[in-house]
Amino acid sequence: EVMLECPSFEHQAGDTVSIICNNTEEEVKQLCSRLELANVWDKECSLAISSTTQKAKAKLPVWLPITSTLEMLFKHHLDIRAVPKKPLLRSLVEHTTVEEDKRKVAMLCSKEGGQEYMTKVRDSQMTLLELLAMIPSCMPPVTVLLEHLPRLNPRPYSLSSSPLATPNTISWVFTLVTEPRPGLATTWMSNLQAMTEVMVQPRTGHHFRPPQDLSQSYVMVGAGSGLGPFMGFLEERRVRKRNGEEMTGDCWLVFGCRSKDKDYLFKEVLEQMVEEGVLTKLSVTFSREEGGPKYVQDSLKEDKQQLVMWLVDQLASFYVCGDARGMARGVQEMVEEVVEKEKGWEEGEGVKYVKKMREEKRYKEDIWT
């Protein structure tokens, strides 16, 4: 968890911020060396559209500074880890001298090499440096990379704090990424020292917030760092309860992690919130341990009668935070199946009910791929 002092930062529980981080010094130096640009790397340069361009309506991206140095551009503005797209590969062919290398890169961007591109480049999340290492005789001019590399975007993180609980501090939870390579932002954040300045940007879109009405019941489902925003929900709920506000709605958290000893985040805090009556029900799953449900959707299915009572009879809200492809999709399919079977509805009615929940803004997701 990262905690940041931000006295003037306006936010609410459930909001998301963008964290601004740079490409690593090591990778930027490797790229400079590979492109043989050491003699001009830190020299000031100006960007402009070539007068001989054949592209209609060509213009400089608004996020690139017109005057800068190559070092600054590749460190702060261009995503050198982005998976190379086929237009870049096509541009590299003419700057490759050895025939074998030329055939390799030409195949990857051809129609016939579609499957090879998917396997070798996209699915393995190949980076620019890895691509250039594969075709050593390729020496692209820097203009080709400036044209094709995407922007180095800020990384979004859901806040785990509430301004009611910690008015001058924001925090967020992250999972350290190690595969297929150490994550750019998470590695940087894991090495932060006390009193380090961190650049953050607020993000628009405020749909993922706890109900303001304390008579409204809600279910929160999260795995791993997906617990983050729900800690903000609960901190806010606890402050409001301690301030004497009447709380008639119930609150149920379903949290999934690997094991009790390694990544059961905020264990003591959550158990204390159950004792205080802030959290009505706490269900925790451990995917790497024997016995009990392995995943959040298994836990919900195990408590299917209570889940249906909350979602259909009490019209509770339902929040999901975490991985879109696996967890979030699995949870949605499970909810559709359970409400349909438990209520004895006709086939397809469960899907319609979840769709209706979305329309009523009772089924909300904060998910990522």
Protein backbone atom coordinates (compact mmCIF):
# COMPACT_ATOMS: atom_id res chain seq x y z
CA GLU A 1 0.00 0.00 0.00
CA VAL A 2 1.23 3.51 -0.85
CA MET A 3 0.19 6.37 1.44
CA LEU A 4 0.59 9.93 0.19
CA GLU A 5 0.11 13.25 1.96
CA CYS A 6 -2.15 15.37 -0.27
CA PRO A 7 -3.74 18.17 1.79
CA SER A 8 -5.40 19.88 -1.19
CA PHE A 9 -6.42 16.79 -3.17
CA GLU A 10 -10.21 16.57 -3.50
CA HIS A 11 -11.53 13.02 -3.75
CA GLN A 12 -14.13 10.58 -2.47
CA ALA A 13 -14.03 6.92 -1.47
CA GLY A 14 -13.91 4.75 -4.60
CA ASP A 15 -12.17 7.34 -6.80
CA THR A 16 -9.23 6.47 -9.04
CA VAL A 17 -5.95 8.33 -9.53
CA SER A 18 -3.33 8.09 -12.25
CA ILE A 19 0.25 7.52 -11.15
CA ILE A 20 2.91 9.08 -13.36
CA CYS A 21 6.10 7.05 -13.63
CA ASN A 22 8.99 7.03 -16.10
CA ASN A 23 10.74 4.33 -18.11
CA THR A 24 13.64 2.86 -16.18
CA GLU A 25 17.09 4.44 -16.47
CA GLU A 26 18.56 1.07 -17.44
CA GLU A 27 16.16 0.42 -20.33
CA VAL A 28 16.49 3.97 -21.67
CA LYS A 29 20.29 3.64 -21.67
CA GLN A 30 20.05 0.26 -23.42
CA LEU A 31 17.89 1.80 -26.13
CA CYS A 32 20.33 4.70 -26.58
CA SER A 33 23.19 2.23 -26.97
CA ARG A 34 21.25 -0.06 -29.34
CA LEU A 35 20.31 2.86 -31.61
CA GLU A 36 23.89 4.28 -31.42
CA LEU A 37 22.63 7.74 -30.43
CA ALA A 38 24.96 8.52 -27.53
CA ASN A 39 26.45 11.57 -29.26
CA VAL A 40 23.05 13.30 -29.66
CA TRP A 41 21.06 11.70 -26.80
CA ASP A 42 21.11 14.72 -24.50
CA LYS A 43 21.21 17.43 -27.20
CA GLU A 44 18.18 19.69 -27.58
CA CYS A 45 16.06 18.90 -30.62
CA SER A 46 12.86 20.18 -32.19
CA LEU A 47 10.04 18.01 -33.52
CA ALA A 48 8.18 18.84 -36.71
CA ILE A 49 6.25 17.07 -39.46
CA SER A 50 8.46 16.34 -42.49
CA SER A 51 7.72 18.54 -45.46
CA THR A 52 7.94 15.47 -47.71
CA THR A 53 5.39 13.36 -45.84
CA GLN A 54 2.86 11.52 -47.97
CA LYS A 55 0.36 11.25 -45.10
CA ALA A 56 -2.68 13.46 -45.31
CA LYS A 57 -3.47 15.52 -42.20
CA ALA A 58 -0.24 14.42 -40.50
CA LYS A 59 0.34 16.25 -37.21
CA LEU A 60 2.45 15.94 -34.09
CA PRO A 61 0.82 14.17 -31.13
CA VAL A 62 -0.28 16.77 -28.59
CA TRP A 63 1.44 14.85 -25.77
CA LEU A 64 4.92 15.20 -27.30
CA PRO A 65 6.86 18.39 -26.49
CA ILE A 66 7.99 20.28 -29.59
CA THR A 67 11.39 21.05 -28.04
CA SER A 68 13.15 18.46 -25.91
CA THR A 69 16.00 15.93 -25.92
CA LEU A 70 15.86 12.32 -27.07
CA GLU A 71 16.65 11.25 -23.51
CA MET A 72 13.63 13.14 -22.15
CA LEU A 73 11.33 11.89 -24.91
CA PHE A 74 12.21 8.23 -24.38
CA LYS A 75 12.26 8.47 -20.60
CA HIS A 76 9.11 10.49 -19.93
CA HIS A 77 6.86 10.41 -23.00
CA LEU A 78 7.21 7.25 -25.13
CA ASP A 79 6.18 3.76 -24.04
CA ILE A 80 9.22 1.68 -24.96
CA ARG A 81 7.67 -1.41 -23.34
CA ALA A 82 4.54 -1.32 -25.47
CA VAL A 83 4.02 -4.40 -27.65
CA PRO A 84 5.22 -3.40 -31.16
CA LYS A 85 2.30 -3.10 -33.58
CA LYS A 86 2.42 -4.23 -37.20
CA PRO A 87 2.82 -0.73 -38.73
CA LEU A 88 6.07 -0.35 -36.74
CA LEU A 89 7.25 -3.79 -37.89
CA ARG A 90 6.57 -2.85 -41.53
CA SER A 91 8.60 0.34 -41.09
CA LEU A 92 11.51 -1.65 -39.65
CA VAL A 93 11.83 -3.90 -42.72
CA GLU A 94 13.46 -1.23 -44.88
CA HIS A 95 15.97 -0.43 -42.12
CA THR A 96 17.13 -4.04 -41.77
CA THR A 97 20.17 -5.11 -43.79
CA VAL A 98 20.69 -8.86 -43.24
CA GLU A 99 18.25 -10.96 -45.31
CA GLU A 100 17.49 -13.43 -42.53
CA ASP A 101 16.55 -10.58 -40.15
CA LYS A 102 14.53 -8.94 -42.89
CA ARG A 103 12.59 -12.17 -43.50
CA LYS A 104 11.87 -12.50 -39.76
CA VAL A 105 10.36 -9.05 -39.36
CA ALA A 106 8.56 -9.22 -42.74
CA MET A 107 6.93 -12.51 -41.72
CA LEU A 108 5.74 -11.08 -38.41
CA CYS A 109 3.88 -8.24 -40.10
CA SER A 110 2.52 -10.33 -43.00
CA LYS A 111 -0.92 -11.92 -43.30
CA GLU A 112 0.68 -15.40 -43.36
CA GLY A 113 2.60 -14.63 -40.16
CA GLY A 114 -0.48 -13.61 -38.19
CA GLN A 115 -0.33 -16.54 -35.80
CA GLU A 116 3.43 -16.16 -35.32
CA TYR A 117 2.90 -12.48 -34.49
CA MET A 118 0.25 -13.37 -31.92
CA THR A 119 2.44 -16.01 -30.27
CA LYS A 120 5.89 -14.40 -30.42
CA VAL A 121 5.00 -10.74 -30.09
CA ARG A 122 1.57 -10.04 -28.63
CA ASP A 123 0.98 -12.96 -26.27
CA SER A 124 4.54 -12.84 -24.90
CA GLN A 125 4.26 -9.03 -24.54
CA MET A 126 7.47 -8.44 -26.45
CA THR A 127 9.06 -5.03 -25.96
CA LEU A 128 10.89 -2.83 -28.47
CA LEU A 129 14.28 -3.77 -26.98
CA GLU A 130 13.46 -7.47 -27.26
CA LEU A 131 12.34 -7.02 -30.86
CA LEU A 132 15.53 -5.18 -31.81
CA ALA A 133 17.60 -7.89 -30.10
CA MET A 134 15.88 -10.45 -32.34
CA ILE A 135 16.85 -8.54 -35.52
CA PRO A 136 20.38 -7.20 -34.79
CA SER A 137 20.93 -5.79 -38.29
CA CYS A 138 17.93 -3.46 -37.92
CA MET A 139 18.93 0.14 -37.25
CA PRO A 140 15.82 2.32 -37.46
CA PRO A 141 16.14 6.10 -37.53
CA VAL A 142 14.77 7.69 -34.38
CA THR A 143 12.00 9.33 -36.43
CA VAL A 144 10.44 5.92 -37.08
CA LEU A 145 10.18 5.24 -33.36
CA LEU A 146 8.86 8.72 -32.61
CA GLU A 147 6.15 8.12 -35.20
CA HIS A 148 5.08 4.67 -34.04
CA LEU A 149 5.67 4.35 -30.30
CA PRO A 150 2.58 5.10 -28.19
CA ARG A 151 2.37 7.48 -25.28
CA LEU A 152 3.73 6.43 -21.90
CA ASN A 153 0.40 6.61 -20.09
CA PRO A 154 -0.11 7.17 -16.36
CA ARG A 155 -1.17 4.01 -14.51
CA PRO A 156 -4.62 4.04 -12.84
CA TYR A 157 -5.06 2.88 -9.24
CA SER A 158 -8.23 2.81 -7.13
CA LEU A 159 -7.92 4.69 -3.85
CA SER A 160 -8.13 2.66 -0.64
CA SER A 161 -8.76 5.76 1.46
CA SER A 162 -11.71 7.96 2.40
CA PRO A 163 -11.42 11.72 3.02
CA LEU A 164 -13.78 11.30 6.00
CA ALA A 165 -11.26 8.97 7.68
CA THR A 166 -7.97 10.51 6.50
CA PRO A 167 -8.72 14.02 5.15
CA ASN A 168 -5.13 14.90 4.19
CA THR A 169 -3.95 11.51 2.97
CA ILE A 170 -4.70 9.30 -0.01
CA SER A 171 -3.65 5.67 -0.38
CA TRP A 172 -3.89 2.83 -2.85
CA VAL A 173 -3.07 -0.88 -2.93
CA PHE A 174 -1.03 -2.55 -5.68
CA THR A 175 0.14 -6.04 -6.59
CA LEU A 176 3.83 -6.32 -7.48
CA VAL A 177 4.01 -7.52 -11.10
CA THR A 178 6.91 -9.87 -11.88
CA GLU A 179 5.77 -11.77 -15.00
CA PRO A 180 6.50 -11.73 -17.90
CA ARG A 181 8.86 -9.03 -16.55
CA PRO A 182 8.86 -6.70 -13.54
CA GLY A 183 6.05 -4.16 -13.90
CA LEU A 184 7.15 -0.60 -14.59
CA ALA A 185 4.89 1.17 -12.07
CA THR A 186 4.68 -1.54 -9.41
CA THR A 187 8.46 -2.03 -9.29
CA TRP A 188 8.95 1.72 -8.96
CA MET A 189 6.32 1.98 -6.21
CA SER A 190 7.75 -0.97 -4.28
CA ASN A 191 11.07 0.90 -4.06
CA LEU A 192 9.65 4.25 -2.92
CA GLN A 193 11.28 5.77 0.14
CA ALA A 194 9.63 7.91 2.81
CA MET A 195 9.16 11.57 1.81
CA THR A 196 9.49 10.82 -1.92
CA GLU A 197 7.43 13.10 -4.16
CA VAL A 198 4.91 11.24 -6.31
CA MET A 199 3.03 12.80 -9.24
CA VAL A 200 -0.65 11.86 -9.39
CA GLN A 201 -3.58 13.00 -11.50
CA PRO A 202 -7.28 12.75 -10.58
CA ARG A 203 -9.34 10.69 -13.03
CA THR A 204 -12.81 11.56 -14.25
CA GLY A 205 -15.76 9.22 -13.88
CA HIS A 206 -17.16 8.72 -10.42
CA HIS A 207 -19.51 5.76 -10.74
CA PHE A 208 -17.72 3.46 -8.29
CA ARG A 209 -18.67 4.93 -4.95
CA PRO A 210 -20.39 3.53 -1.86
CA PRO A 211 -24.09 4.27 -1.40
CA GLN A 212 -24.63 7.56 0.44
CA ASP A 213 -27.88 6.19 1.84
CA LEU A 214 -26.95 4.10 4.90
CA SER A 215 -30.20 2.14 4.60
CA GLN A 216 -28.94 0.69 1.28
CA SER A 217 -27.35 -2.75 1.61
CA TYR A 218 -24.44 -3.69 -0.64
CA VAL A 219 -22.09 -6.55 -1.52
CA MET A 220 -18.41 -5.96 -2.38
CA VAL A 221 -16.44 -8.59 -4.31
CA GLY A 222 -12.69 -8.21 -4.81
CA ALA A 223 -9.56 -10.30 -5.29
CA GLY A 224 -5.98 -9.31 -4.48
CA SER A 225 -5.45 -5.56 -4.80
CA GLY A 226 -9.11 -5.36 -5.85
CA LEU A 227 -9.76 -5.04 -2.11
CA GLY A 228 -8.32 -1.49 -2.27
CA PRO A 229 -11.40 0.65 -2.99
CA PHE A 230 -13.53 -1.40 -0.60
CA MET A 231 -11.23 -0.40 2.26
CA GLY A 232 -12.11 3.20 1.39
CA PHE A 233 -15.82 2.26 1.41
CA LEU A 234 -15.48 0.63 4.84
CA GLU A 235 -13.35 3.39 6.38
CA GLU A 236 -16.03 5.89 5.37
CA ARG A 237 -18.79 3.66 6.70
CA ARG A 238 -16.96 3.30 10.02
CA VAL A 239 -16.52 7.08 10.44
CA ARG A 240 -20.21 7.68 9.71
CA LYS A 241 -21.22 5.00 12.21
CA ARG A 242 -18.91 6.43 14.89
CA ASN A 243 -20.36 9.87 14.22
CA GLY A 244 -23.75 8.53 15.23
CA GLU A 245 -25.43 8.21 11.83
CA GLU A 246 -28.15 5.54 11.72
CA MET A 247 -27.02 2.52 9.71
CA THR A 248 -29.84 0.12 8.77
CA GLY A 249 -28.34 -1.24 5.54
CA ASP A 250 -26.08 -4.30 5.63
CA CYS A 251 -22.61 -4.66 4.13
CA TRP A 252 -20.96 -7.89 2.90
CA LEU A 253 -17.37 -8.25 1.70
CA VAL A 254 -16.18 -11.24 -0.34
CA PHE A 255 -12.39 -11.16 -0.67
CA GLY A 256 -10.15 -13.60 -2.51
CA CYS A 257 -6.41 -14.10 -1.97
CA ARG A 258 -3.84 -16.90 -2.18
CA SER A 259 -3.12 -17.76 1.45
CA LYS A 260 -3.83 -16.62 5.01
CA ASP A 261 -0.19 -15.92 5.82
CA LYS A 262 1.01 -14.17 2.64
CA ASP A 263 -1.60 -11.88 1.11
CA TYR A 264 -4.63 -11.68 3.38
CA LEU A 265 -4.55 -7.87 3.23
CA PHE A 266 -5.92 -5.76 6.13
CA LYS A 267 -6.85 -8.93 8.07
CA GLU A 268 -6.90 -7.32 11.53
CA VAL A 269 -8.71 -4.19 10.30
CA LEU A 270 -11.43 -6.22 8.57
CA GLU A 271 -11.98 -8.45 11.59
CA GLN A 272 -12.23 -5.36 13.79
CA MET A 273 -14.83 -3.88 11.43
CA VAL A 274 -16.93 -7.03 11.79
CA GLU A 275 -16.72 -6.70 15.60
CA GLU A 276 -17.77 -3.03 15.39
CA GLY A 277 -20.75 -3.86 13.19
CA VAL A 278 -19.39 -1.82 10.28
CA LEU A 279 -19.11 -4.99 8.19
CA THR A 280 -22.10 -7.32 8.47
CA LYS A 281 -20.54 -10.34 6.76
CA LEU A 282 -16.93 -11.18 5.79
CA SER A 283 -16.17 -14.07 3.42
CA VAL A 284 -12.52 -14.78 2.55
CA THR A 285 -11.27 -17.40 0.06
CA PHE A 286 -7.76 -18.83 -0.23
CA SER A 287 -6.90 -20.24 -3.67
CA ARG A 288 -3.66 -21.96 -2.58
CA GLU A 289 -4.96 -23.63 0.56
CA GLU A 290 -6.82 -26.87 1.15
CA GLY A 291 -10.49 -26.85 2.10
CA GLY A 292 -13.16 -24.20 1.62
CA PRO A 293 -14.03 -22.27 -1.52
CA LYS A 294 -11.03 -21.35 -3.69
CA TYR A 295 -12.31 -18.24 -5.48
CA VAL A 296 -14.74 -15.42 -4.77
CA GLN A 297 -17.36 -16.81 -7.17
CA ASP A 298 -17.19 -20.16 -5.33
CA SER A 299 -17.82 -18.38 -2.03
CA LEU A 300 -20.80 -16.50 -3.44
CA LYS A 301 -22.21 -19.74 -4.86
CA GLU A 302 -21.78 -21.42 -1.48
CA ASP A 303 -23.88 -18.61 0.07
CA LYS A 304 -26.28 -18.53 -2.88
CA GLN A 305 -29.51 -18.28 -0.86
CA GLN A 306 -28.23 -15.29 1.10
CA LEU A 307 -26.85 -13.71 -2.09
CA VAL A 308 -30.21 -13.98 -3.85
CA MET A 309 -32.00 -12.57 -0.80
CA TRP A 310 -29.67 -9.55 -0.81
CA LEU A 311 -29.73 -8.91 -4.58
CA VAL A 312 -33.35 -9.72 -5.44
CA ASP A 313 -35.39 -9.35 -2.25
CA GLN A 314 -33.47 -6.51 -0.57
CA LEU A 315 -32.36 -4.86 -3.85
CA ALA A 316 -28.79 -4.58 -2.56
CA SER A 317 -26.09 -2.99 -4.71
CA PHE A 318 -23.27 -5.18 -6.03
CA TYR A 319 -19.67 -4.01 -6.54
CA VAL A 320 -16.87 -5.95 -8.27
CA CYS A 321 -13.21 -4.91 -8.36
CA GLY A 322 -10.33 -6.84 -9.95
CA ASP A 323 -9.34 -8.74 -13.07
CA ALA A 324 -11.84 -8.37 -15.92
CA ARG A 325 -11.12 -11.54 -17.89
CA GLY A 326 -11.12 -14.11 -15.11
CA MET A 327 -12.64 -12.96 -11.86
CA ALA A 328 -15.16 -10.31 -12.95
CA ARG A 329 -16.54 -12.40 -15.80
CA GLY A 330 -16.75 -15.49 -13.58
CA VAL A 331 -18.58 -13.54 -10.86
CA GLN A 332 -21.12 -12.13 -13.31
CA GLU A 333 -21.85 -15.56 -14.83
CA MET A 334 -22.22 -17.05 -11.35
CA VAL A 335 -24.66 -14.31 -10.24
CA GLU A 336 -26.73 -14.80 -13.41
CA GLU A 337 -26.86 -18.55 -12.86
CA VAL A 338 -27.63 -18.44 -9.12
CA VAL A 339 -30.45 -15.88 -9.19
CA GLU A 340 -32.08 -17.75 -12.07
CA LYS A 341 -31.95 -21.17 -10.39
CA GLU A 342 -32.78 -20.05 -6.86
CA LYS A 343 -35.78 -18.05 -8.05
CA GLY A 344 -36.94 -20.78 -10.43
CA TRP A 345 -36.90 -18.38 -13.36
CA GLU A 346 -36.89 -19.39 -17.02
CA GLU A 347 -33.61 -19.73 -18.88
CA GLY A 348 -32.10 -16.35 -19.72
CA GLU A 349 -33.90 -14.47 -16.93
CA GLY A 350 -30.73 -14.36 -14.79
CA VAL A 351 -28.86 -12.56 -17.57
CA LYS A 352 -31.74 -10.11 -17.90
CA TYR A 353 -31.79 -9.46 -14.17
CA VAL A 354 -28.07 -8.58 -14.04
CA LYS A 355 -28.57 -6.33 -17.07
CA LYS A 356 -31.42 -4.63 -15.21
CA MET A 357 -29.16 -4.20 -12.14
CA ARG A 358 -26.61 -2.45 -14.37
CA GLU A 359 -29.30 -0.15 -15.77
CA GLU A 360 -30.38 0.70 -12.23
CA LYS A 361 -26.71 1.29 -11.34
CA ARG A 362 -26.83 -1.49 -8.72
CA TYR A 363 -24.19 -3.64 -10.46
CA LYS A 364 -20.93 -1.70 -10.65
CA GLU A 365 -17.43 -2.73 -11.72
CA ASP A 366 -13.94 -1.31 -11.30
CA ILE A 367 -12.00 -3.79 -13.42
CA TRP A 368 -8.82 -4.06 -15.46
CA THR A 369 -7.19 -6.43 -17.95
